[in-house]
């Protein structure tokens, strides 16, 4: 126990410790929210990339069903991860404030299967 805590009650020490934990969590949330737009835009880019890959594969007459199934599996994983992350971002930070970030969030939410 730090010497500065001598003479303090256990209850006060617990309250102080709880407040410190809350302060650290709030600071972590604030830093997570600071880069939320960047994460949303990155996810939206990956979402659009997999959709473009699908379109190209559909246009390719030599595309096999094995290739299509593999791409669909990747797509499903990406959609699932994106939806989970978007939900977490919105729960922690609220709806994005900039037009670009908001567009990315909407794109991700509406396109996730």
PDB file of N, CA and C in Angstrom:
ATOM      1  N   UNK A   1       0.848  -1.162   0.000  1.00  0.00           N
ATOM      2  CA  UNK A   1       0.000   0.000   0.000  1.00  0.00           C
ATOM      3  C   UNK A   1       0.902   1.235   0.000  1.00  0.00           C
ATOM      4  N   UNK A   2       0.630   2.215  -0.868  1.00  0.00           N
ATOM      5  CA  UNK A   2       1.439   3.434  -0.880  1.00  0.00           C
ATOM      6  C   UNK A   2       1.341   4.156   0.457  1.00  0.00           C
ATOM      7  N   UNK A   3       2.439   4.805   0.839  1.00  0.00           N
ATOM      8  CA  UNK A   3       2.466   5.487   2.134  1.00  0.00           C
ATOM      9  C   UNK A   3       1.427   6.610   2.201  1.00  0.00           C
ATOM     10  N   UNK A   4       1.064   7.190   1.059  1.00  0.00           N
ATOM     11  CA  UNK A   4       0.070   8.266   1.061  1.00  0.00           C
ATOM     12  C   UNK A   4      -1.328   7.759   1.400  1.00  0.00           C
ATOM     13  N   UNK A   5      -1.537   6.443   1.348  1.00  0.00           N
ATOM     14  CA  UNK A   5      -2.851   5.875   1.640  1.00  0.00           C
ATOM     15  C   UNK A   5      -3.003   5.501   3.113  1.00  0.00           C
ATOM     16  N   UNK A   6      -1.911   5.596   3.886  1.00  0.00           N
ATOM     17  CA  UNK A   6      -1.990   5.233   5.301  1.00  0.00           C
ATOM     18  C   UNK A   6      -3.001   6.129   5.996  1.00  0.00           C
ATOM     19  N   UNK A   7      -3.819   5.534   6.798  1.00  0.00           N
ATOM     20  CA  UNK A   7      -4.820   6.285   7.540  1.00  0.00           C
ATOM     21  C   UNK A   7      -6.142   6.433   6.796  1.00  0.00           C
ATOM     22  N   UNK A   8      -6.176   6.128   5.509  1.00  0.00           N
ATOM     23  CA  UNK A   8      -7.425   6.201   4.761  1.00  0.00           C
ATOM     24  C   UNK A   8      -8.194   4.912   4.969  1.00  0.00           C
ATOM     25  N   UNK A   9      -9.495   5.022   4.951  1.00  0.00           N
ATOM     26  CA  UNK A   9     -10.310   3.826   5.137  1.00  0.00           C
ATOM     27  C   UNK A   9     -10.277   2.975   3.878  1.00  0.00           C
ATOM     28  N   UNK A  10     -10.576   1.724   4.027  1.00  0.00           N
ATOM     29  CA  UNK A  10     -10.626   0.794   2.898  1.00  0.00           C
ATOM     30  C   UNK A  10     -11.689   1.254   1.909  1.00  0.00           C
ATOM     31  N   UNK A  11     -12.798   1.776   2.439  1.00  0.00           N
ATOM     32  CA  UNK A  11     -13.883   2.239   1.576  1.00  0.00           C
ATOM     33  C   UNK A  11     -13.402   3.387   0.682  1.00  0.00           C
ATOM     34  N   UNK A  12     -12.672   4.332   1.241  1.00  0.00           N
ATOM     35  CA  UNK A  12     -12.160   5.452   0.445  1.00  0.00           C
ATOM     36  C   UNK A  12     -11.162   4.966  -0.595  1.00  0.00           C
ATOM     37  N   UNK A  13     -10.346   3.985  -0.221  1.00  0.00           N
ATOM     38  CA  UNK A  13      -9.379   3.438  -1.165  1.00  0.00           C
ATOM     39  C   UNK A  13     -10.089   2.756  -2.334  1.00  0.00           C
ATOM     40  N   UNK A  14     -11.162   2.039  -2.022  1.00  0.00           N
ATOM     41  CA  UNK A  14     -11.910   1.358  -3.072  1.00  0.00           C
ATOM     42  C   UNK A  14     -12.599   2.364  -3.985  1.00  0.00           C
ATOM     43  N   UNK A  15     -13.135   3.421  -3.420  1.00  0.00           N
ATOM     44  CA  UNK A  15     -13.784   4.458  -4.230  1.00  0.00           C
ATOM     45  C   UNK A  15     -12.755   5.113  -5.146  1.00  0.00           C
ATOM     46  N   UNK A  16     -11.597   5.436  -4.575  1.00  0.00           N
ATOM     47  CA  UNK A  16     -10.542   6.047  -5.372  1.00  0.00           C
ATOM     48  C   UNK A  16     -10.121   5.125  -6.513  1.00  0.00           C
ATOM     49  N   UNK A  17      -9.928   3.849  -6.209  1.00  0.00           N
ATOM     50  CA  UNK A  17      -9.523   2.877  -7.228  1.00  0.00           C
ATOM     51  C   UNK A  17     -10.581   2.761  -8.321  1.00  0.00           C
ATOM     52  N   UNK A  18     -11.849   2.741  -7.930  1.00  0.00           N
ATOM     53  CA  UNK A  18     -12.945   2.660  -8.903  1.00  0.00           C
ATOM     54  C   UNK A  18     -12.967   3.882  -9.808  1.00  0.00           C
ATOM     55  N   UNK A  19     -12.748   5.049  -9.235  1.00  0.00           N
ATOM     56  CA  UNK A  19     -12.725   6.280 -10.029  1.00  0.00           C
ATOM     57  C   UNK A  19     -11.561   6.270 -11.018  1.00  0.00           C
ATOM     58  N   UNK A  20     -10.430   5.753 -10.597  1.00  0.00           N
ATOM     59  CA  UNK A  20      -9.276   5.671 -11.491  1.00  0.00           C
ATOM     60  C   UNK A  20      -9.570   4.737 -12.669  1.00  0.00           C
ATOM     61  N   UNK A  21     -10.201   3.616 -12.380  1.00  0.00           N
ATOM     62  CA  UNK A  21     -10.553   2.666 -13.447  1.00  0.00           C
ATOM     63  C   UNK A  21     -11.518   3.329 -14.421  1.00  0.00           C
ATOM     64  N   UNK A  22     -12.517   4.038 -13.912  1.00  0.00           N
ATOM     65  CA  UNK A  22     -13.480   4.730 -14.782  1.00  0.00           C
ATOM     66  C   UNK A  22     -12.780   5.777 -15.641  1.00  0.00           C
ATOM     67  N   UNK A  23     -11.863   6.512 -15.045  1.00  0.00           N
ATOM     68  CA  UNK A  23     -11.134   7.539 -15.790  1.00  0.00           C
ATOM     69  C   UNK A  23     -10.298   6.914 -16.897  1.00  0.00           C
ATOM     70  N   UNK A  24      -9.657   5.805 -16.616  1.00  0.00           N
ATOM     71  CA  UNK A  24      -8.854   5.120 -17.626  1.00  0.00           C
ATOM     72  C   UNK A  24      -9.731   4.579 -18.753  1.00  0.00           C
ATOM     73  N   UNK A  25     -10.905   4.037 -18.407  1.00  0.00           N
ATOM     74  CA  UNK A  25     -11.815   3.526 -19.423  1.00  0.00           C
ATOM     75  C   UNK A  25     -12.341   4.657 -20.298  1.00  0.00           C
ATOM     76  N   UNK A  26     -12.668   5.795 -19.691  1.00  0.00           N
ATOM     77  CA  UNK A  26     -13.158   6.944 -20.456  1.00  0.00           C
ATOM     78  C   UNK A  26     -12.084   7.442 -21.412  1.00  0.00           C
ATOM     79  N   UNK A  27     -10.842   7.458 -20.960  1.00  0.00           N
ATOM     80  CA  UNK A  27      -9.744   7.888 -21.809  1.00  0.00           C
ATOM     81  C   UNK A  27      -9.557   6.922 -22.975  1.00  0.00           C
ATOM     82  N   UNK A  28      -9.669   5.633 -22.713  1.00  0.00           N
ATOM     83  CA  UNK A  28      -9.547   4.637 -23.776  1.00  0.00           C
ATOM     84  C   UNK A  28     -10.668   4.801 -24.791  1.00  0.00           C
ATOM     85  N   UNK A  29     -11.901   5.054 -24.320  1.00  0.00           N
ATOM     86  CA  UNK A  29     -13.032   5.244 -25.228  1.00  0.00           C
ATOM     87  C   UNK A  29     -12.841   6.483 -26.084  1.00  0.00           C
ATOM     88  N   UNK A  30     -12.310   7.555 -25.481  1.00  0.00           N
ATOM     89  CA  UNK A  30     -12.090   8.786 -26.225  1.00  0.00           C
ATOM     90  C   UNK A  30     -11.077   8.559 -27.343  1.00  0.00           C
ATOM     91  N   UNK A  31     -10.018   7.800 -27.065  1.00  0.00           N
ATOM     92  CA  UNK A  31      -9.030   7.543 -28.110  1.00  0.00           C
ATOM     93  C   UNK A  31      -9.604   6.620 -29.180  1.00  0.00           C
ATOM     94  N   UNK A  32     -10.466   5.666 -28.779  1.00  0.00           N
ATOM     95  CA  UNK A  32     -11.122   4.806 -29.760  1.00  0.00           C
ATOM     96  C   UNK A  32     -12.020   5.626 -30.680  1.00  0.00           C
ATOM     97  N   UNK A  33     -12.711   6.608 -30.124  1.00  0.00           N
ATOM     98  CA  UNK A  33     -13.614   7.438 -30.917  1.00  0.00           C
ATOM     99  C   UNK A  33     -12.849   8.384 -31.841  1.00  0.00           C
ATOM    100  N   UNK A  34     -11.640   8.758 -31.439  1.00  0.00           N
ATOM    101  CA  UNK A  34     -10.850   9.679 -32.256  1.00  0.00           C
ATOM    102  C   UNK A  34     -10.506   9.061 -33.613  1.00  0.00           C
ATOM    103  N   UNK A  35     -10.310   7.749 -33.649  1.00  0.00           N
ATOM    104  CA  UNK A  35      -9.971   7.108 -34.917  1.00  0.00           C
ATOM    105  C   UNK A  35     -11.125   6.288 -35.494  1.00  0.00           C
ATOM    106  N   UNK A  36     -12.336   6.497 -34.980  1.00  0.00           N
ATOM    107  CA  UNK A  36     -13.498   5.731 -35.440  1.00  0.00           C
ATOM    108  C   UNK A  36     -13.770   5.975 -36.922  1.00  0.00           C
ATOM    109  N   UNK A  37     -13.677   7.219 -37.354  1.00  0.00           N
ATOM    110  CA  UNK A  37     -13.921   7.531 -38.761  1.00  0.00           C
ATOM    111  C   UNK A  37     -12.942   6.827 -39.680  1.00  0.00           C
ATOM    112  N   UNK A  38     -11.685   6.811 -39.272  1.00  0.00           N
ATOM    113  CA  UNK A  38     -10.669   6.143 -40.071  1.00  0.00           C
ATOM    114  C   UNK A  38     -10.968   4.643 -40.163  1.00  0.00           C
ATOM    115  N   UNK A  39     -11.382   4.049 -39.050  1.00  0.00           N
ATOM    116  CA  UNK A  39     -11.712   2.616 -39.059  1.00  0.00           C
ATOM    117  C   UNK A  39     -12.930   2.346 -39.928  1.00  0.00           C
ATOM    118  N   UNK A  40     -13.955   3.204 -39.840  1.00  0.00           N
ATOM    119  CA  UNK A  40     -15.150   3.026 -40.664  1.00  0.00           C
ATOM    120  C   UNK A  40     -14.806   3.118 -42.150  1.00  0.00           C
ATOM    121  N   UNK A  41     -13.993   4.102 -42.506  1.00  0.00           N
ATOM    122  CA  UNK A  41     -13.622   4.277 -43.910  1.00  0.00           C
ATOM    123  C   UNK A  41     -12.782   3.105 -44.416  1.00  0.00           C
ATOM    124  N   UNK A  42     -11.910   2.570 -43.559  1.00  0.00           N
ATOM    125  CA  UNK A  42     -11.110   1.410 -43.930  1.00  0.00           C
ATOM    126  C   UNK A  42     -12.009   0.191 -44.149  1.00  0.00           C
ATOM    127  N   UNK A  43     -12.965  -0.014 -43.242  1.00  0.00           N
ATOM    128  CA  UNK A  43     -13.892  -1.142 -43.393  1.00  0.00           C
ATOM    129  C   UNK A  43     -14.726  -0.998 -44.660  1.00  0.00           C
ATOM    130  N   UNK A  44     -15.186   0.228 -44.934  1.00  0.00           N
ATOM    131  CA  UNK A  44     -15.995   0.455 -46.134  1.00  0.00           C
ATOM    132  C   UNK A  44     -15.174   0.173 -47.393  1.00  0.00           C
ATOM    133  N   UNK A  45     -13.902   0.535 -47.372  1.00  0.00           N
ATOM    134  CA  UNK A  45     -13.031   0.249 -48.515  1.00  0.00           C
ATOM    135  C   UNK A  45     -12.884  -1.246 -48.747  1.00  0.00           C
ATOM    136  N   UNK A  46     -12.693  -2.001 -47.655  1.00  0.00           N
ATOM    137  CA  UNK A  46     -12.567  -3.458 -47.783  1.00  0.00           C
ATOM    138  C   UNK A  46     -13.878  -4.073 -48.236  1.00  0.00           C
ATOM    139  N   UNK A  47     -14.994  -3.514 -47.760  1.00  0.00           N
ATOM    140  CA  UNK A  47     -16.311  -3.988 -48.173  1.00  0.00           C
ATOM    141  C   UNK A  47     -16.488  -3.801 -49.678  1.00  0.00           C
ATOM    142  N   UNK A  48     -16.138  -2.625 -50.164  1.00  0.00           N
ATOM    143  CA  UNK A  48     -16.297  -2.360 -51.595  1.00  0.00           C
ATOM    144  C   UNK A  48     -15.347  -3.210 -52.430  1.00  0.00           C
ATOM    145  N   UNK A  49     -14.157  -3.482 -51.896  1.00  0.00           N
ATOM    146  CA  UNK A  49     -13.187  -4.301 -52.614  1.00  0.00           C
ATOM    147  C   UNK A  49     -13.717  -5.715 -52.824  1.00  0.00           C
ATOM    148  N   UNK A  50     -14.289  -6.318 -51.786  1.00  0.00           N
ATOM    149  CA  UNK A  50     -14.790  -7.692 -51.925  1.00  0.00           C
ATOM    150  C   UNK A  50     -15.973  -7.729 -52.889  1.00  0.00           C
ATOM    151  N   UNK A  51     -16.790  -6.679 -52.893  1.00  0.00           N
ATOM    152  CA  UNK A  51     -17.915  -6.611 -53.822  1.00  0.00           C
ATOM    153  C   UNK A  51     -17.429  -6.479 -55.271  1.00  0.00           C
ATOM    154  N   UNK A  52     -16.361  -5.707 -55.455  1.00  0.00           N
ATOM    155  CA  UNK A  52     -15.793  -5.581 -56.802  1.00  0.00           C
ATOM    156  C   UNK A  52     -15.175  -6.897 -57.259  1.00  0.00           C
ATOM    157  N   UNK A  53     -14.553  -7.626 -56.336  1.00  0.00           N
ATOM    158  CA  UNK A  53     -14.004  -8.940 -56.672  1.00  0.00           C
ATOM    159  C   UNK A  53     -15.131  -9.882 -57.108  1.00  0.00           C
ATOM    160  N   UNK A  54     -16.254  -9.814 -56.398  1.00  0.00           N
ATOM    161  CA  UNK A  54     -17.398 -10.657 -56.748  1.00  0.00           C
ATOM    162  C   UNK A  54     -17.919 -10.309 -58.147  1.00  0.00           C
ATOM    163  N   UNK A  55     -18.049  -9.012 -58.405  1.00  0.00           N
ATOM    164  CA  UNK A  55     -18.538  -8.580 -59.711  1.00  0.00           C
ATOM    165  C   UNK A  55     -17.592  -9.073 -60.819  1.00  0.00           C
ATOM    166  N   UNK A  56     -16.290  -8.943 -60.605  1.00  0.00           N
ATOM    167  CA  UNK A  56     -15.317  -9.388 -61.602  1.00  0.00           C
ATOM    168  C   UNK A  56     -15.402 -10.897 -61.803  1.00  0.00           C
ATOM    169  N   UNK A  57     -15.572 -11.629 -60.721  1.00  0.00           N
ATOM    170  CA  UNK A  57     -15.681 -13.089 -60.826  1.00  0.00           C
ATOM    171  C   UNK A  57     -16.961 -13.487 -61.564  1.00  0.00           C
ATOM    172  N   UNK A  58     -18.027 -12.784 -61.330  1.00  0.00           N
ATOM    173  CA  UNK A  58     -19.290 -13.057 -62.024  1.00  0.00           C
ATOM    174  C   UNK A  58     -19.165 -12.774 -63.522  1.00  0.00           C
ATOM    175  N   UNK A  59     -18.370 -11.776 -63.874  1.00  0.00           N
ATOM    176  CA  UNK A  59     -18.193 -11.417 -65.282  1.00  0.00           C
ATOM    177  C   UNK A  59     -17.222 -12.346 -66.005  1.00  0.00           C
ATOM    178  N   UNK A  60     -16.404 -13.052 -65.228  1.00  0.00           N
ATOM    179  CA  UNK A  60     -15.401 -13.942 -65.795  1.00  0.00           C
ATOM    180  C   UNK A  60     -16.042 -15.296 -66.120  1.00  0.00           C
ATOM    181  N   UNK A  61     -16.108 -15.606 -67.382  1.00  0.00           N
ATOM    182  CA  UNK A  61     -16.739 -16.870 -67.780  1.00  0.00           C
ATOM    183  C   UNK A  61     -15.929 -18.082 -67.313  1.00  0.00           C
ATOM    184  N   UNK A  62     -14.684 -17.868 -66.940  1.00  0.00           N
ATOM    185  CA  UNK A  62     -13.844 -18.969 -66.476  1.00  0.00           C
ATOM    186  C   UNK A  62     -13.882 -19.115 -64.948  1.00  0.00           C
ATOM    187  N   UNK A  63     -14.663 -18.256 -64.277  1.00  0.00           N
ATOM    188  CA  UNK A  63     -14.774 -18.349 -62.823  1.00  0.00           C
ATOM    189  C   UNK A  63     -15.462 -19.640 -62.414  1.00  0.00           C
ATOM    190  N   UNK A  64     -14.854 -20.376 -61.513  1.00  0.00           N
ATOM    191  CA  UNK A  64     -15.400 -21.673 -61.105  1.00  0.00           C
ATOM    192  C   UNK A  64     -16.295 -21.519 -59.873  1.00  0.00           C
ATOM    193  N   UNK A  65     -17.083 -22.536 -59.644  1.00  0.00           N
ATOM    194  CA  UNK A  65     -17.947 -22.524 -58.461  1.00  0.00           C
ATOM    195  C   UNK A  65     -17.112 -22.579 -57.184  1.00  0.00           C
ATOM    196  N   UNK A  66     -15.964 -23.219 -57.232  1.00  0.00           N
ATOM    197  CA  UNK A  66     -15.069 -23.269 -56.061  1.00  0.00           C
ATOM    198  C   UNK A  66     -14.566 -21.864 -55.724  1.00  0.00           C
ATOM    199  N   UNK A  67     -14.184 -21.120 -56.757  1.00  0.00           N
ATOM    200  CA  UNK A  67     -13.721 -19.733 -56.549  1.00  0.00           C
ATOM    201  C   UNK A  67     -14.853 -18.872 -55.974  1.00  0.00           C
ATOM    202  N   UNK A  68     -16.041 -19.065 -56.516  1.00  0.00           N
ATOM    203  CA  UNK A  68     -17.192 -18.291 -56.044  1.00  0.00           C
ATOM    204  C   UNK A  68     -17.521 -18.621 -54.589  1.00  0.00           C
ATOM    205  N   UNK A  69     -17.488 -19.894 -54.240  1.00  0.00           N
ATOM    206  CA  UNK A  69     -17.765 -20.296 -52.855  1.00  0.00           C
ATOM    207  C   UNK A  69     -16.717 -19.735 -51.896  1.00  0.00           C
ATOM    208  N   UNK A  70     -15.461 -19.770 -52.295  1.00  0.00           N
ATOM    209  CA  UNK A  70     -14.383 -19.241 -51.454  1.00  0.00           C
ATOM    210  C   UNK A  70     -14.553 -17.733 -51.245  1.00  0.00           C
ATOM    211  N   UNK A  71     -14.914 -17.042 -52.316  1.00  0.00           N
ATOM    212  CA  UNK A  71     -15.114 -15.595 -52.212  1.00  0.00           C
ATOM    213  C   UNK A  71     -16.327 -15.281 -51.347  1.00  0.00           C
ATOM    214  N   UNK A  72     -17.389 -16.062 -51.492  1.00  0.00           N
ATOM    215  CA  UNK A  72     -18.573 -15.852 -50.664  1.00  0.00           C
ATOM    216  C   UNK A  72     -18.266 -16.061 -49.180  1.00  0.00           C
ATOM    217  N   UNK A  73     -17.435 -17.044 -48.871  1.00  0.00           N
ATOM    218  CA  UNK A  73     -17.044 -17.285 -47.478  1.00  0.00           C
ATOM    219  C   UNK A  73     -16.267 -16.085 -46.928  1.00  0.00           C
ATOM    220  N   UNK A  74     -15.300 -15.594 -47.716  1.00  0.00           N
ATOM    221  CA  UNK A  74     -14.535 -14.401 -47.288  1.00  0.00           C
ATOM    222  C   UNK A  74     -15.465 -13.217 -47.087  1.00  0.00           C
ATOM    223  N   UNK A  75     -16.398 -13.050 -48.007  1.00  0.00           N
ATOM    224  CA  UNK A  75     -17.342 -11.947 -47.975  1.00  0.00           C
ATOM    225  C   UNK A  75     -18.183 -12.010 -46.699  1.00  0.00           C
ATOM    226  N   UNK A  76     -18.658 -13.200 -46.381  1.00  0.00           N
ATOM    227  CA  UNK A  76     -19.485 -13.381 -45.181  1.00  0.00           C
ATOM    228  C   UNK A  76     -18.693 -13.040 -43.908  1.00  0.00           C
ATOM    229  N   UNK A  77     -17.440 -13.440 -43.858  1.00  0.00           N
ATOM    230  CA  UNK A  77     -16.585 -13.125 -42.705  1.00  0.00           C
ATOM    231  C   UNK A  77     -16.382 -11.615 -42.596  1.00  0.00           C
ATOM    232  N   UNK A  78     -16.086 -10.978 -43.718  1.00  0.00           N
ATOM    233  CA  UNK A  78     -15.871  -9.529 -43.727  1.00  0.00           C
ATOM    234  C   UNK A  78     -17.135  -8.809 -43.274  1.00  0.00           C
ATOM    235  N   UNK A  79     -18.289  -9.198 -43.813  1.00  0.00           N
ATOM    236  CA  UNK A  79     -19.558  -8.569 -43.409  1.00  0.00           C
ATOM    237  C   UNK A  79     -19.810  -8.738 -41.913  1.00  0.00           C
ATOM    238  N   UNK A  80     -19.577  -9.938 -41.401  1.00  0.00           N
ATOM    239  CA  UNK A  80     -19.803 -10.194 -39.981  1.00  0.00           C
ATOM    240  C   UNK A  80     -18.903  -9.359 -39.089  1.00  0.00           C
ATOM    241  N   UNK A  81     -17.616  -9.293 -39.443  1.00  0.00           N
ATOM    242  CA  UNK A  81     -16.671  -8.494 -38.669  1.00  0.00           C
ATOM    243  C   UNK A  81     -17.018  -7.010 -38.746  1.00  0.00           C
ATOM    244  N   UNK A  82     -17.352  -6.551 -39.952  1.00  0.00           N
ATOM    245  CA  UNK A  82     -17.709  -5.141 -40.130  1.00  0.00           C
ATOM    246  C   UNK A  82     -18.934  -4.759 -39.302  1.00  0.00           C
ATOM    247  N   UNK A  83     -19.959  -5.587 -39.354  1.00  0.00           N
ATOM    248  CA  UNK A  83     -21.185  -5.277 -38.619  1.00  0.00           C
ATOM    249  C   UNK A  83     -20.909  -5.207 -37.113  1.00  0.00           C
ATOM    250  N   UNK A  84     -20.132  -6.151 -36.618  1.00  0.00           N
ATOM    251  CA  UNK A  84     -19.785  -6.152 -35.193  1.00  0.00           C
ATOM    252  C   UNK A  84     -19.028  -4.876 -34.817  1.00  0.00           C
ATOM    253  N   UNK A  85     -18.050  -4.510 -35.639  1.00  0.00           N
ATOM    254  CA  UNK A  85     -17.261  -3.314 -35.342  1.00  0.00           C
ATOM    255  C   UNK A  85     -18.095  -2.036 -35.441  1.00  0.00           C
ATOM    256  N   UNK A  86     -18.964  -1.954 -36.453  1.00  0.00           N
ATOM    257  CA  UNK A  86     -19.811  -0.758 -36.592  1.00  0.00           C
ATOM    258  C   UNK A  86     -20.724  -0.620 -35.380  1.00  0.00           C
ATOM    259  N   UNK A  87     -21.313  -1.723 -34.936  1.00  0.00           N
ATOM    260  CA  UNK A  87     -22.171  -1.680 -33.746  1.00  0.00           C
ATOM    261  C   UNK A  87     -21.385  -1.183 -32.537  1.00  0.00           C
ATOM    262  N   UNK A  88     -20.167  -1.680 -32.366  1.00  0.00           N
ATOM    263  CA  UNK A  88     -19.339  -1.257 -31.236  1.00  0.00           C
ATOM    264  C   UNK A  88     -18.975   0.221 -31.325  1.00  0.00           C
ATOM    265  N   UNK A  89     -18.637   0.672 -32.516  1.00  0.00           N
ATOM    266  CA  UNK A  89     -18.268   2.079 -32.706  1.00  0.00           C
ATOM    267  C   UNK A  89     -19.454   2.977 -32.394  1.00  0.00           C
ATOM    268  N   UNK A  90     -20.626   2.641 -32.922  1.00  0.00           N
ATOM    269  CA  UNK A  90     -21.812   3.479 -32.696  1.00  0.00           C
ATOM    270  C   UNK A  90     -22.213   3.450 -31.230  1.00  0.00           C
ATOM    271  N   UNK A  91     -22.109   2.300 -30.584  1.00  0.00           N
ATOM    272  CA  UNK A  91     -22.445   2.201 -29.160  1.00  0.00           C
ATOM    273  C   UNK A  91     -21.506   3.062 -28.316  1.00  0.00           C
ATOM    274  N   UNK A  92     -20.225   3.073 -28.667  1.00  0.00           N
ATOM    275  CA  UNK A  92     -19.238   3.805 -27.874  1.00  0.00           C
ATOM    276  C   UNK A  92     -19.165   5.284 -28.232  1.00  0.00           C
ATOM    277  N   UNK A  93     -19.345   5.611 -29.512  1.00  0.00           N
ATOM    278  CA  UNK A  93     -19.059   6.971 -29.985  1.00  0.00           C
ATOM    279  C   UNK A  93     -20.271   7.703 -30.561  1.00  0.00           C
ATOM    280  N   UNK A  94     -21.366   6.986 -30.793  1.00  0.00           N
ATOM    281  CA  UNK A  94     -22.514   7.593 -31.459  1.00  0.00           C
ATOM    282  C   UNK A  94     -22.329   7.549 -32.968  1.00  0.00           C
ATOM    283  N   UNK A  95     -23.344   8.065 -33.675  1.00  0.00           N
ATOM    284  CA  UNK A  95     -23.279   8.067 -35.139  1.00  0.00           C
ATOM    285  C   UNK A  95     -22.194   9.044 -35.577  1.00  0.00           C
ATOM    286  N   UNK A  96     -21.406   8.690 -36.592  1.00  0.00           N
ATOM    287  CA  UNK A  96     -20.308   9.558 -37.046  1.00  0.00           C
ATOM    288  C   UNK A  96     -20.804  10.933 -37.479  1.00  0.00           C
ATOM    289  N   UNK A  97     -19.985  11.938 -37.212  1.00  0.00           N
ATOM    290  CA  UNK A  97     -20.390  13.317 -37.467  1.00  0.00           C
ATOM    291  C   UNK A  97     -20.046  13.853 -38.837  1.00  0.00           C
ATOM    292  N   UNK A  98     -18.999  13.347 -39.481  1.00  0.00           N
ATOM    293  CA  UNK A  98     -18.639  13.885 -40.789  1.00  0.00           C
ATOM    294  C   UNK A  98     -19.404  13.145 -41.879  1.00  0.00           C
ATOM    295  N   UNK A  99     -19.557  13.805 -43.008  1.00  0.00           N
ATOM    296  CA  UNK A  99     -20.308  13.205 -44.115  1.00  0.00           C
ATOM    297  C   UNK A  99     -19.639  11.915 -44.600  1.00  0.00           C
ATOM    298  N   UNK A 100     -18.318  11.928 -44.730  1.00  0.00           N
ATOM    299  CA  UNK A 100     -17.609  10.743 -45.227  1.00  0.00           C
ATOM    300  C   UNK A 100     -17.737   9.576 -44.251  1.00  0.00           C
ATOM    301  N   UNK A 101     -17.534   9.863 -42.970  1.00  0.00           N
ATOM    302  CA  UNK A 101     -17.620   8.798 -41.963  1.00  0.00           C
ATOM    303  C   UNK A 101     -19.045   8.262 -41.851  1.00  0.00           C
ATOM    304  N   UNK A 102     -20.014   9.160 -41.919  1.00  0.00           N
ATOM    305  CA  UNK A 102     -21.415   8.762 -41.854  1.00  0.00           C
ATOM    306  C   UNK A 102     -21.794   7.910 -43.062  1.00  0.00           C
ATOM    307  N   UNK A 103     -21.307   8.300 -44.224  1.00  0.00           N
ATOM    308  CA  UNK A 103     -21.571   7.529 -45.440  1.00  0.00           C
ATOM    309  C   UNK A 103     -20.977   6.126 -45.316  1.00  0.00           C
ATOM    310  N   UNK A 104     -19.759   6.042 -44.793  1.00  0.00           N
ATOM    311  CA  UNK A 104     -19.124   4.729 -44.624  1.00  0.00           C
ATOM    312  C   UNK A 104     -19.922   3.859 -43.661  1.00  0.00           C
ATOM    313  N   UNK A 105     -20.372   4.444 -42.559  1.00  0.00           N
ATOM    314  CA  UNK A 105     -21.161   3.691 -41.585  1.00  0.00           C
ATOM    315  C   UNK A 105     -22.468   3.200 -42.221  1.00  0.00           C
ATOM    316  N   UNK A 106     -23.150   4.068 -42.950  1.00  0.00           N
ATOM    317  CA  UNK A 106     -24.406   3.693 -43.595  1.00  0.00           C
ATOM    318  C   UNK A 106     -24.167   2.592 -44.630  1.00  0.00           C
ATOM    319  N   UNK A 107     -23.119   2.738 -45.406  1.00  0.00           N
ATOM    320  CA  UNK A 107     -22.776   1.740 -46.410  1.00  0.00           C
ATOM    321  C   UNK A 107     -22.587   0.375 -45.754  1.00  0.00           C
ATOM    322  N   UNK A 108     -21.843   0.363 -44.664  1.00  0.00           N
ATOM    323  CA  UNK A 108     -21.562  -0.896 -43.971  1.00  0.00           C
ATOM    324  C   UNK A 108     -22.814  -1.508 -43.366  1.00  0.00           C
ATOM    325  N   UNK A 109     -23.644  -0.685 -42.769  1.00  0.00           N
ATOM    326  CA  UNK A 109     -24.839  -1.200 -42.096  1.00  0.00           C
ATOM    327  C   UNK A 109     -25.849  -1.730 -43.121  1.00  0.00           C
ATOM    328  N   UNK A 110     -26.050  -1.012 -44.185  1.00  0.00           N
ATOM    329  CA  UNK A 110     -27.069  -1.446 -45.145  1.00  0.00           C
ATOM    330  C   UNK A 110     -26.624  -2.632 -45.985  1.00  0.00           C
ATOM    331  N   UNK A 111     -25.337  -2.825 -46.176  1.00  0.00           N
ATOM    332  CA  UNK A 111     -24.868  -3.891 -47.054  1.00  0.00           C
ATOM    333  C   UNK A 111     -24.525  -5.177 -46.334  1.00  0.00           C
ATOM    334  N   UNK A 112     -24.400  -5.136 -45.018  1.00  0.00           N
ATOM    335  CA  UNK A 112     -24.080  -6.360 -44.286  1.00  0.00           C
ATOM    336  C   UNK A 112     -25.261  -7.317 -44.375  1.00  0.00           C
ATOM    337  N   UNK A 113     -24.953  -8.562 -44.637  1.00  0.00           N
ATOM    338  CA  UNK A 113     -26.010  -9.550 -44.782  1.00  0.00           C
ATOM    339  C   UNK A 113     -26.228 -10.258 -43.475  1.00  0.00           C
TER     340      UNK A 113
END
